[in-house]
């Protein structure tokens, strides 16, 4: 049953459910997202306090991300088997303890273990949030709740910037994670007022499928994260190993893809034999649901890639600090938040298909505007407008696709929908950053090489003297380039020419990357056209018996 877009709702009035479960959902999402963002914002303080390089903090963040992605499908089944609320409460408590361990960390190893543990329990939390929404809300309330859940992620980013950034520069970075511990206590106490979801004790967990899925996710995650440093096809000197010269990144991606295909084949086989499966393929049984997943993956790919390129532009080209960069992208983050919360108002008037198509056009328009207006000065009004436009389209699509998947699936599959959403978000985001990095650096290298070859101002001898490797060109600030060339025999004219080449090549590489992302957004109109053409019918709660 479906409701035509714009059709009047003739059903009887129903009692609005309490918003308390949504408060728990939003605060818990902020708890999980704030913890990761605070780690990034506090990187300088952590590296100084623990006497460790920034790469160690990056490794800890990666460990948490990989752990969440690897076990999120298993987390959904554990929640269903033992009771969503109980598993959620245990996970929130463990996450709070992990954040306490981060706050008390005395070594990089302790930080790594605590962050990995927090990522693993988020794999239990993320599906539970979806189940809480599906079991406590329906109709318009459910659509709004999904929007608020989607908006909680950018909200956590802004809060981490304002709060963790302030703490890191005043009382110390550890207080940010003490705040997360306090938030975990609040969420744990409030969760006892959320009605329990009965455990499905007849569920048997497919541990073999869980192992295959975890191996696939880990291989793909490591493979894509190593593309830039290890090489796309051929191994670089930084690669930990190679097989007949082939990059380990390419090998891991191929092996991960094989394992992923093996997981789906294993799952189909168990379903055919009426055996328990780790992931219910009914979530993706129709062409519309698969198209919705493609739209979700595309938007996360484009969004995270743009979110990587924009700070790169501000920090490398403009020379802004990480904190200054974070403040500069607040308009972008806030526009995602606003769009995620208000897009539900369009569901009764416009179909998911139309909203998705319009959203991808808006995203492409924002990226194109950015590509044609970025210069050396960030304070251009059109750049800010481009960021806001991008955020509005991105926020609307992220909330829309999640709502479409959840409303199309039975309530008992809400955990599977939540786990699938988390997995697609995580993997698409990781791939987006990796591919954007490789593509932008590749374009930069090609542009620099074309400018340096047969350049009359910069002779070949200077390239050798300065140690410039045209096969490993990367984004570097002009100041760093000047320092390198001043240690050579380069004249001022040659330094000026090198700066000109570097400046032009960086801007062109970033603009080209943004335009390619815009093109990918426009291509996403095709799968968006296969999304539902009608608003999915949402089961309304029945009036309480005995009441008139």
Protein backbone atom coordinates (compact mmCIF):
# COMPACT_ATOMS: atom_id res chain seq x y z
CA UNK A 1 0.00 0.00 0.00
CA UNK A 2 1.29 3.47 -0.86
CA UNK A 3 0.14 7.01 -0.48
CA UNK A 4 0.21 9.18 -3.56
CA UNK A 5 2.35 12.27 -3.20
CA UNK A 6 0.14 15.15 -2.19
CA UNK A 7 -2.81 12.93 -1.30
CA UNK A 8 -4.80 13.98 1.74
CA UNK A 9 -4.48 11.84 4.85
CA UNK A 10 -7.98 10.67 5.68
CA UNK A 11 -6.99 8.32 8.49
CA UNK A 12 -8.22 8.96 12.00
CA UNK A 13 -6.15 11.09 14.28
CA UNK A 14 -3.62 9.14 16.30
CA UNK A 15 -1.87 9.83 19.55
CA UNK A 16 1.61 11.26 19.16
CA UNK A 17 4.23 9.04 20.75
CA UNK A 18 6.62 10.38 23.38
CA UNK A 19 9.77 11.95 21.96
CA UNK A 20 11.92 10.53 24.79
CA UNK A 21 13.27 7.62 22.69
CA UNK A 22 14.34 10.14 20.05
CA UNK A 23 16.19 12.17 22.70
CA UNK A 24 18.10 9.02 23.64
CA UNK A 25 18.79 8.23 19.96
CA UNK A 26 20.06 11.72 19.14
CA UNK A 27 22.16 12.08 22.30
CA UNK A 28 23.73 8.65 21.74
CA UNK A 29 24.56 9.46 18.12
CA UNK A 30 26.14 12.70 19.34
CA UNK A 31 28.06 10.70 21.95
CA UNK A 32 29.50 8.37 19.31
CA UNK A 33 30.21 11.04 16.69
CA UNK A 34 31.53 13.63 19.15
CA UNK A 35 34.09 11.13 20.43
CA UNK A 36 35.62 10.65 16.98
CA UNK A 37 35.52 14.36 16.08
CA UNK A 38 37.02 15.33 19.44
CA UNK A 39 39.94 12.98 18.80
CA UNK A 40 40.64 14.76 15.51
CA UNK A 41 40.28 18.27 16.96
CA UNK A 42 42.49 17.33 19.94
CA UNK A 43 45.25 15.80 17.84
CA UNK A 44 47.84 18.49 18.61
CA UNK A 45 47.36 18.20 22.37
CA UNK A 46 47.39 14.41 22.31
CA UNK A 47 50.61 14.22 20.29
CA UNK A 48 52.34 16.58 22.72
CA UNK A 49 50.96 15.01 25.91
CA UNK A 50 51.63 11.40 24.92
CA UNK A 51 54.86 12.23 23.05
CA UNK A 52 53.64 10.44 19.93
CA UNK A 53 53.44 11.43 16.24
CA UNK A 54 50.13 12.52 14.73
CA UNK A 55 50.07 9.31 12.72
CA UNK A 56 49.52 7.38 15.95
CA UNK A 57 46.34 9.33 16.62
CA UNK A 58 45.30 8.73 13.02
CA UNK A 59 45.90 5.02 13.51
CA UNK A 60 43.70 5.04 16.61
CA UNK A 61 40.89 6.76 14.70
CA UNK A 62 41.26 4.25 11.86
CA UNK A 63 41.17 1.34 14.33
CA UNK A 64 37.84 2.50 15.71
CA UNK A 65 36.37 3.06 12.24
CA UNK A 66 37.48 -0.35 10.96
CA UNK A 67 36.20 -2.12 14.08
CA UNK A 68 32.77 -0.54 13.71
CA UNK A 69 32.51 -1.42 10.02
CA UNK A 70 33.78 -4.96 10.49
CA UNK A 71 31.28 -5.94 13.19
CA UNK A 72 28.20 -3.83 12.50
CA UNK A 73 26.29 -6.62 10.71
CA UNK A 74 27.04 -8.92 13.63
CA UNK A 75 26.00 -6.17 16.05
CA UNK A 76 22.51 -6.04 14.56
CA UNK A 77 21.98 -9.77 15.13
CA UNK A 78 23.36 -9.67 18.67
CA UNK A 79 20.89 -6.89 19.49
CA UNK A 80 17.98 -8.85 18.02
CA UNK A 81 19.02 -12.07 19.76
CA UNK A 82 19.52 -10.72 23.28
CA UNK A 83 17.22 -7.68 23.27
CA UNK A 84 17.97 -4.37 21.65
CA UNK A 85 17.63 -2.22 24.77
CA UNK A 86 19.79 -4.49 26.93
CA UNK A 87 22.54 -4.74 24.31
CA UNK A 88 22.33 -0.99 23.74
CA UNK A 89 22.74 -0.28 27.45
CA UNK A 90 25.76 -2.58 27.73
CA UNK A 91 27.31 -1.00 24.63
CA UNK A 92 26.74 2.57 25.87
CA UNK A 93 28.34 1.67 29.20
CA UNK A 94 31.37 0.09 27.50
CA UNK A 95 31.70 3.08 25.18
CA UNK A 96 31.70 5.36 28.22
CA UNK A 97 34.43 3.25 29.85
CA UNK A 98 36.44 3.35 26.61
CA UNK A 99 36.18 7.14 26.55
CA UNK A 100 37.32 7.22 30.18
CA UNK A 101 40.33 5.16 29.11
CA UNK A 102 41.03 7.70 26.34
CA UNK A 103 40.82 10.54 28.86
CA UNK A 104 43.24 8.72 31.16
CA UNK A 105 45.57 7.44 28.42
CA UNK A 106 49.24 7.49 29.29
CA UNK A 107 50.54 5.86 26.13
CA UNK A 108 49.67 5.53 22.42
CA UNK A 109 48.96 1.82 22.99
CA UNK A 110 46.30 2.60 25.60
CA UNK A 111 44.76 5.17 23.27
CA UNK A 112 44.70 2.64 20.41
CA UNK A 113 43.04 -0.12 22.46
CA UNK A 114 40.43 2.26 23.91
CA UNK A 115 39.51 3.66 20.49
CA UNK A 116 39.31 0.18 18.94
CA UNK A 117 36.99 -0.91 21.76
CA UNK A 118 34.78 2.14 21.25
CA UNK A 119 34.49 1.36 17.53
CA UNK A 120 33.53 -2.24 18.25
CA UNK A 121 30.67 -1.26 20.58
CA UNK A 122 29.40 1.40 18.17
CA UNK A 123 28.72 -1.61 15.94
CA UNK A 124 26.17 -2.58 18.60
CA UNK A 125 24.83 0.94 19.12
CA UNK A 126 24.21 1.98 15.50
CA UNK A 127 21.64 -0.75 14.65
CA UNK A 128 19.93 -0.22 18.00
CA UNK A 129 19.26 3.45 17.20
CA UNK A 130 17.39 2.42 14.06
CA UNK A 131 15.39 -0.20 15.96
CA UNK A 132 14.37 2.39 18.58
CA UNK A 133 13.06 4.68 15.84
CA UNK A 134 11.20 1.88 14.04
CA UNK A 135 9.56 0.53 17.20
CA UNK A 136 8.68 3.83 18.85
CA UNK A 137 7.63 6.01 15.92
CA UNK A 138 5.65 5.77 12.73
CA UNK A 139 4.09 8.03 10.16
CA UNK A 140 5.32 11.60 10.17
CA UNK A 141 7.03 11.11 13.52
CA UNK A 142 9.24 8.37 12.11
CA UNK A 143 10.25 10.48 9.12
CA UNK A 144 11.13 13.40 11.41
CA UNK A 145 13.01 11.10 13.80
CA UNK A 146 15.15 9.79 10.94
CA UNK A 147 15.92 13.36 9.93
CA UNK A 148 17.01 14.24 13.47
CA UNK A 149 19.20 11.12 13.64
CA UNK A 150 20.89 12.10 10.38
CA UNK A 151 21.28 15.67 11.63
CA UNK A 152 22.93 14.50 14.87
CA UNK A 153 26.12 13.61 13.00
CA UNK A 154 26.91 17.12 11.65
CA UNK A 155 25.65 18.59 14.95
CA UNK A 156 28.25 16.49 16.78
CA UNK A 157 30.91 17.83 14.43
CA UNK A 158 30.04 21.44 15.24
CA UNK A 159 29.88 20.69 18.97
CA UNK A 160 33.25 18.94 18.82
CA UNK A 161 34.74 21.97 17.10
CA UNK A 162 33.34 24.45 19.60
CA UNK A 163 33.70 22.42 22.80
CA UNK A 164 36.67 20.12 22.14
CA UNK A 165 38.50 22.90 20.33
CA UNK A 166 38.02 25.24 23.29
CA UNK A 167 39.00 22.59 25.84
CA UNK A 168 42.12 21.63 23.86
CA UNK A 169 43.38 25.22 23.94
CA UNK A 170 42.37 25.98 27.55
CA UNK A 171 41.86 23.32 30.22
CA UNK A 172 43.17 20.35 28.23
CA UNK A 173 42.03 17.80 25.65
CA UNK A 174 41.23 15.11 28.26
CA UNK A 175 38.18 17.02 29.48
CA UNK A 176 36.47 16.53 26.10
CA UNK A 177 36.42 12.78 26.66
CA UNK A 178 35.38 13.21 30.29
CA UNK A 179 32.37 15.06 28.85
CA UNK A 180 31.62 12.05 26.62
CA UNK A 181 31.73 9.82 29.71
CA UNK A 182 29.16 12.08 31.39
CA UNK A 183 26.98 11.95 28.28
CA UNK A 184 27.21 8.14 28.31
CA UNK A 185 25.91 8.12 31.89
CA UNK A 186 22.98 10.37 30.90
CA UNK A 187 22.11 8.14 27.93
CA UNK A 188 22.34 5.00 30.05
CA UNK A 189 19.97 6.45 32.68
CA UNK A 190 17.48 7.72 30.07
CA UNK A 191 17.51 4.39 28.21
CA UNK A 192 15.70 2.70 31.11
CA UNK A 193 12.66 4.84 30.25
CA UNK A 194 12.63 3.53 26.65
CA UNK A 195 10.32 0.56 26.25
CA UNK A 196 12.31 -2.67 25.85
CA UNK A 197 12.34 -4.49 22.54
CA UNK A 198 11.63 -8.19 23.17
CA UNK A 199 14.60 -10.42 22.29
CA UNK A 200 14.15 -12.81 19.38
CA UNK A 201 15.48 -15.85 21.22
CA UNK A 202 14.91 -18.12 18.25
CA UNK A 203 17.62 -16.27 16.26
CA UNK A 204 20.77 -18.28 15.60
CA UNK A 205 23.77 -16.13 14.75
CA UNK A 206 25.67 -17.07 11.61
CA UNK A 207 29.20 -16.85 12.99
CA UNK A 208 30.80 -18.07 9.78
CA UNK A 209 29.03 -15.33 7.83
CA UNK A 210 30.13 -12.80 10.46
CA UNK A 211 33.75 -13.86 10.00
CA UNK A 212 33.55 -13.61 6.21
CA UNK A 213 31.93 -10.15 6.41
CA UNK A 214 34.51 -8.89 8.91
CA UNK A 215 37.43 -10.10 6.79
CA UNK A 216 35.93 -8.52 3.66
CA UNK A 217 35.42 -5.14 5.35
CA UNK A 218 38.89 -5.11 6.92
CA UNK A 219 40.61 -6.04 3.65
CA UNK A 220 38.69 -3.40 1.69
CA UNK A 221 39.26 -0.75 4.37
CA UNK A 222 43.01 -1.30 4.53
CA UNK A 223 43.22 -1.57 0.75
CA UNK A 224 41.47 1.70 -0.01
CA UNK A 225 43.20 3.57 2.82
CA UNK A 226 46.58 2.54 1.38
CA UNK A 227 45.93 3.56 -2.23
CA UNK A 228 47.68 6.91 -2.02
CA UNK A 229 50.79 5.85 -0.08
CA UNK A 230 51.20 2.26 -1.32
CA UNK A 231 50.29 2.81 -4.96
CA UNK A 232 47.18 2.16 -7.04
CA UNK A 233 48.63 -0.61 -9.20
CA UNK A 234 52.39 -0.69 -8.80
CA UNK A 235 53.88 -0.68 -5.30
CA UNK A 236 55.68 2.44 -4.10
CA UNK A 237 58.71 2.54 -1.80
CA UNK A 238 56.33 3.18 1.13
CA UNK A 239 54.47 -0.10 0.55
CA UNK A 240 55.01 -2.67 3.34
CA UNK A 241 55.26 -5.45 0.73
CA UNK A 242 54.56 -6.18 -2.91
CA UNK A 243 53.80 -9.19 -5.06
CA UNK A 244 55.83 -9.07 -8.29
CA UNK A 245 55.73 -5.31 -7.99
CA UNK A 246 51.95 -5.04 -7.49
CA UNK A 247 50.73 -2.68 -4.77
CA UNK A 248 49.41 -4.33 -1.60
CA UNK A 249 46.48 -1.88 -1.77
CA UNK A 250 45.33 -3.39 -5.08
CA UNK A 251 45.81 -6.91 -3.74
CA UNK A 252 43.81 -6.21 -0.58
CA UNK A 253 40.99 -4.58 -2.56
CA UNK A 254 40.76 -7.59 -4.88
CA UNK A 255 40.79 -10.04 -1.97
CA UNK A 256 38.23 -7.94 -0.08
CA UNK A 257 35.94 -7.83 -3.12
CA UNK A 258 36.18 -11.61 -3.46
CA UNK A 259 35.33 -12.04 0.23
CA UNK A 260 32.38 -9.62 -0.10
CA UNK A 261 31.03 -11.60 -3.05
CA UNK A 262 31.60 -14.75 -1.06
CA UNK A 263 29.61 -13.33 1.86
CA UNK A 264 26.57 -12.55 -0.31
CA UNK A 265 26.80 -15.95 -1.98
CA UNK A 266 27.06 -17.62 1.43
CA UNK A 267 24.04 -15.64 2.65
CA UNK A 268 21.96 -16.57 -0.43
CA UNK A 269 22.90 -20.21 0.03
CA UNK A 270 21.84 -20.22 3.69
CA UNK A 271 18.59 -18.49 2.81
CA UNK A 272 17.85 -21.12 0.16
CA UNK A 273 18.44 -23.80 2.82
CA UNK A 274 16.22 -21.95 5.35
CA UNK A 275 19.21 -21.45 7.65
CA UNK A 276 19.85 -18.31 9.74
CA UNK A 277 21.67 -15.50 7.94
CA UNK A 278 23.81 -12.71 9.35
CA UNK A 279 22.13 -10.15 7.08
CA UNK A 280 18.58 -10.43 5.76
CA UNK A 281 18.72 -9.89 2.01
CA UNK A 282 15.04 -8.90 2.04
CA UNK A 283 16.32 -5.40 2.87
CA UNK A 284 17.57 -5.30 -0.74
CA UNK A 285 15.05 -7.57 -2.43
CA UNK A 286 13.55 -4.99 -4.84
CA UNK A 287 15.14 -2.89 -7.54
CA UNK A 288 13.93 0.27 -5.76
CA UNK A 289 15.72 -0.71 -2.55
CA UNK A 290 18.94 -1.52 -4.41
CA UNK A 291 18.71 1.81 -6.26
CA UNK A 292 18.23 3.56 -2.91
CA UNK A 293 21.40 1.91 -1.62
CA UNK A 294 23.32 3.07 -4.69
CA UNK A 295 22.09 6.63 -4.07
CA UNK A 296 23.14 6.36 -0.43
CA UNK A 297 26.61 5.09 -1.36
CA UNK A 298 27.05 7.74 -4.05
CA UNK A 299 26.07 10.57 -1.76
CA UNK A 300 28.41 9.41 1.00
CA UNK A 301 31.23 8.96 -1.55
CA UNK A 302 30.72 12.45 -2.98
CA UNK A 303 30.10 14.08 0.41
CA UNK A 304 33.16 12.67 2.17
CA UNK A 305 35.37 13.28 -0.88
CA UNK A 306 34.28 16.93 -0.96
CA UNK A 307 34.72 17.15 2.81
CA UNK A 308 38.31 15.98 2.24
CA UNK A 309 39.08 18.30 -0.67
CA UNK A 310 37.66 21.48 0.88
CA UNK A 311 39.89 21.39 4.03
CA UNK A 312 42.80 20.45 1.76
CA UNK A 313 42.14 23.63 -0.21
CA UNK A 314 41.96 25.78 2.92
CA UNK A 315 44.97 24.33 4.72
CA UNK A 316 47.39 23.85 1.81
CA UNK A 317 46.44 26.70 -0.51
CA UNK A 318 45.34 29.24 2.07
CA UNK A 319 47.65 28.14 4.86
CA UNK A 320 44.90 28.01 7.48
CA UNK A 321 45.29 26.00 10.68
CA UNK A 322 43.12 22.97 11.41
CA UNK A 323 41.04 24.99 13.88
CA UNK A 324 40.57 27.86 11.42
CA UNK A 325 39.57 25.35 8.76
CA UNK A 326 37.01 23.77 11.07
CA UNK A 327 35.40 27.13 11.75
CA UNK A 328 35.34 27.95 8.03
CA UNK A 329 33.25 24.88 7.16
CA UNK A 330 30.62 25.54 9.85
CA UNK A 331 28.17 26.94 7.22
CA UNK A 332 28.52 23.67 5.27
CA UNK A 333 27.96 21.55 8.39
CA UNK A 334 24.99 23.60 9.54
CA UNK A 335 23.35 23.38 6.12
CA UNK A 336 23.56 19.55 6.31
CA UNK A 337 21.95 19.70 9.74
CA UNK A 338 19.12 21.97 8.57
CA UNK A 339 18.36 19.95 5.43
CA UNK A 340 18.31 16.67 7.38
CA UNK A 341 15.71 18.01 9.80
CA UNK A 342 13.35 19.74 7.36
CA UNK A 343 13.34 17.36 4.39
CA UNK A 344 10.64 15.23 6.06
CA UNK A 345 8.17 18.03 5.37
CA UNK A 346 8.47 17.31 1.64
CA UNK A 347 7.52 13.63 1.85
CA UNK A 348 3.75 14.22 1.62
CA UNK A 349 4.06 16.45 -1.42
CA UNK A 350 6.92 14.98 -3.46
CA UNK A 351 8.02 11.41 -4.15
CA UNK A 352 11.40 10.04 -2.99
CA UNK A 353 12.36 9.73 -6.65
CA UNK A 354 11.80 13.42 -7.31
CA UNK A 355 13.42 14.59 -4.07
CA UNK A 356 16.51 12.46 -4.72
CA UNK A 357 16.90 13.73 -8.27
CA UNK A 358 16.53 17.33 -7.14
CA UNK A 359 18.95 16.70 -4.29
CA UNK A 360 21.68 15.38 -6.58
CA UNK A 361 21.20 18.36 -8.92
CA UNK A 362 21.60 20.70 -5.92
CA UNK A 363 24.76 18.84 -4.84
CA UNK A 364 26.20 19.10 -8.36
CA UNK A 365 25.33 22.81 -8.50
CA UNK A 366 27.15 23.41 -5.21
CA UNK A 367 30.26 21.54 -6.38
CA UNK A 368 30.30 23.35 -9.74
CA UNK A 369 29.94 26.71 -8.01
CA UNK A 370 32.86 25.83 -5.72
CA UNK A 371 35.00 24.65 -8.63
CA UNK A 372 34.57 27.91 -10.55
CA UNK A 373 34.90 30.30 -7.60
CA UNK A 374 37.71 28.99 -5.38
CA UNK A 375 40.72 31.26 -5.35
CA UNK A 376 43.28 32.12 -2.74
CA UNK A 377 40.76 34.06 -0.63
CA UNK A 378 38.19 32.01 1.28
CA UNK A 379 35.95 34.97 2.11
CA UNK A 380 34.27 35.04 -1.30
CA UNK A 381 30.51 34.99 -0.88
CA UNK A 382 30.07 32.57 -3.79
CA UNK A 383 32.36 30.02 -2.14
CA UNK A 384 30.27 30.15 1.02
CA UNK A 385 27.08 29.87 -1.06
CA UNK A 386 28.57 26.88 -2.85
CA UNK A 387 29.29 25.15 0.46
CA UNK A 388 25.80 25.83 1.79
CA UNK A 389 24.24 24.56 -1.46
CA UNK A 390 26.31 21.38 -1.27
CA UNK A 391 25.32 20.83 2.37
CA UNK A 392 21.61 21.33 1.71
CA UNK A 393 21.56 18.74 -1.06
CA UNK A 394 23.72 16.30 0.89
CA UNK A 395 21.67 16.53 4.10
CA UNK A 396 18.37 16.06 2.27
CA UNK A 397 19.56 12.96 0.40
CA UNK A 398 21.16 11.29 3.43
CA UNK A 399 17.94 11.56 5.45
CA UNK A 400 15.75 10.64 2.46
CA UNK A 401 17.49 7.39 1.51
CA UNK A 402 17.57 6.18 5.10
CA UNK A 403 13.86 6.90 5.52
CA UNK A 404 13.06 5.16 2.23
CA UNK A 405 14.94 1.98 3.20
CA UNK A 406 13.51 1.85 6.71
CA UNK A 407 9.89 2.42 5.72
CA UNK A 408 10.12 -0.19 2.96
CA UNK A 409 11.27 -2.92 5.36
CA UNK A 410 9.23 -4.69 8.06
CA UNK A 411 9.90 -3.48 11.59
CA UNK A 412 11.61 -6.73 12.51
CA UNK A 413 14.31 -5.90 9.93
CA UNK A 414 15.02 -2.45 11.39
CA UNK A 415 18.28 -3.68 12.89
CA UNK A 416 19.42 -5.00 9.51
CA UNK A 417 18.51 -1.67 7.89
CA UNK A 418 20.47 0.21 10.54
CA UNK A 419 23.48 -2.07 10.16
CA UNK A 420 23.37 -1.81 6.36
CA UNK A 421 23.14 1.97 6.58
CA UNK A 422 26.14 2.11 8.92
CA UNK A 423 28.19 -0.21 6.73
CA UNK A 424 27.38 1.66 3.50
CA UNK A 425 28.09 5.03 5.13
CA UNK A 426 31.41 3.87 6.54
CA UNK A 427 32.71 2.08 3.46
CA UNK A 428 31.52 4.68 0.95
CA UNK A 429 33.05 7.44 3.03
CA UNK A 430 36.39 5.66 3.31
CA UNK A 431 36.47 4.92 -0.40
CA UNK A 432 35.47 8.51 -1.20
CA UNK A 433 38.41 9.96 0.72
CA UNK A 434 40.87 7.44 -0.71
CA UNK A 435 39.78 7.84 -4.33
CA UNK A 436 39.57 11.64 -4.09
CA UNK A 437 43.09 11.75 -2.67
CA UNK A 438 44.53 9.52 -5.39
CA UNK A 439 42.68 11.35 -8.17
CA UNK A 440 43.59 14.86 -6.97
CA UNK A 441 47.24 13.93 -6.46
CA UNK A 442 47.33 12.21 -9.84
CA UNK A 443 45.95 15.29 -11.60
CA UNK A 444 48.40 17.47 -9.68
CA UNK A 445 51.34 15.30 -10.73
CA UNK A 446 50.29 15.40 -14.37
CA UNK A 447 49.94 19.18 -14.33
CA UNK A 448 53.27 19.74 -12.59
CA UNK A 449 55.06 17.34 -14.93
CA UNK A 450 53.67 19.07 -18.02
CA UNK A 451 54.87 22.44 -16.67
CA UNK A 452 58.34 21.27 -15.67
CA UNK A 453 59.22 19.27 -18.77
CA UNK A 454 61.22 21.51 -21.14
CA UNK A 455 60.60 24.51 -18.87
CA UNK A 456 63.25 27.09 -19.90
CA UNK A 457 63.30 28.70 -16.45
CA UNK A 458 63.76 25.54 -14.39
CA UNK A 459 66.53 23.34 -15.81
CA UNK A 460 66.77 19.59 -15.31
CA UNK A 461 69.80 20.05 -13.06
CA UNK A 462 67.70 22.02 -10.54
CA UNK A 463 65.09 19.26 -10.43
CA UNK A 464 67.80 16.78 -9.52
CA UNK A 465 69.40 19.16 -7.02
CA UNK A 466 66.09 19.89 -5.26
CA UNK A 467 65.13 16.23 -5.15
CA UNK A 468 61.83 16.74 -6.99
CA UNK A 469 60.35 13.36 -7.91
CA UNK A 470 57.74 13.79 -10.62
CA UNK A 471 56.34 10.35 -9.81
CA UNK A 472 55.54 11.37 -6.21
CA UNK A 473 54.23 14.94 -6.48
CA UNK A 474 51.86 15.91 -3.67
CA UNK A 475 50.04 18.95 -2.32
CA UNK A 476 52.56 21.14 -0.48
CA UNK A 477 52.31 24.73 0.81
CA UNK A 478 54.28 27.37 -1.11
CA UNK A 479 56.27 28.19 2.02
CA UNK A 480 57.52 24.61 2.21
CA UNK A 481 58.45 24.70 -1.47
CA UNK A 482 60.40 27.93 -0.96
CA UNK A 483 62.35 26.44 1.94
CA UNK A 484 63.26 23.43 -0.22
CA UNK A 485 64.43 25.55 -3.15
CA UNK A 486 66.36 28.02 -0.98
CA UNK A 487 68.63 25.15 -0.01
CA UNK A 488 69.60 24.75 -3.66
CA UNK A 489 71.23 27.01 -6.22
CA UNK A 490 67.84 28.23 -7.46
CA UNK A 491 67.61 31.90 -8.36
CA UNK A 492 64.73 34.10 -7.25
CA UNK A 493 63.26 33.90 -10.77
CA UNK A 494 63.34 30.11 -10.62
CA UNK A 495 61.72 30.10 -7.18
CA UNK A 496 58.98 32.42 -8.44
CA UNK A 497 58.37 30.14 -11.43
CA UNK A 498 58.15 27.07 -9.17
CA UNK A 499 55.66 28.87 -6.92
CA UNK A 500 53.57 29.84 -9.96
CA UNK A 501 53.51 26.24 -11.21
CA UNK A 502 52.64 24.89 -7.76
CA UNK A 503 49.88 27.45 -7.19
CA UNK A 504 48.22 26.96 -10.56
CA UNK A 505 48.53 23.16 -10.50
CA UNK A 506 47.00 22.85 -7.02
CA UNK A 507 43.99 24.97 -7.91
CA UNK A 508 43.41 23.21 -11.23
CA UNK A 509 43.71 19.78 -9.60
CA UNK A 510 41.17 20.67 -6.92
CA UNK A 511 38.78 22.26 -9.41
CA UNK A 512 39.00 19.23 -11.68
CA UNK A 513 38.32 16.91 -8.74
CA UNK A 514 35.28 18.95 -7.68
CA UNK A 515 33.92 18.94 -11.25
CA UNK A 516 34.34 15.15 -11.46
CA UNK A 517 32.40 14.80 -8.20
CA UNK A 518 29.70 17.06 -9.66
CA UNK A 519 29.52 14.79 -12.71
CA UNK A 520 29.19 11.75 -10.46
CA UNK A 521 26.32 13.47 -8.63
CA UNK A 522 24.52 14.06 -11.92
CA UNK A 523 25.04 10.41 -12.90
CA UNK A 524 23.34 9.44 -9.63
CA UNK A 525 20.12 10.84 -11.10
CA UNK A 526 19.87 7.53 -12.98
CA UNK A 527 19.59 5.24 -9.91
CA UNK A 528 17.55 7.98 -8.19
CA UNK A 529 15.01 7.52 -10.98
CA UNK A 530 14.52 3.92 -9.80
CA UNK A 531 13.68 4.91 -6.24
CA UNK A 532 10.00 4.69 -5.22
CA UNK A 533 7.74 7.01 -7.17
CA UNK A 534 5.28 7.07 -4.30
CA UNK A 535 5.69 7.87 -0.63
CA UNK A 536 6.04 4.54 1.23
CA UNK A 537 3.05 3.88 3.44
CA UNK A 538 3.98 4.15 7.09
CA UNK A 539 2.05 2.04 9.52
CA UNK A 540 0.34 4.35 11.97
CA UNK A 541 0.16 3.40 15.64
CA UNK A 542 -3.21 2.11 16.75
CA UNK A 543 -5.17 4.18 19.29
CA UNK A 544 -4.81 2.89 22.82
CA UNK A 545 -7.58 0.46 23.69
CA UNK A 546 -10.14 1.61 26.18
CA UNK A 547 -9.76 5.27 25.25
CA UNK A 548 -12.35 7.19 23.31
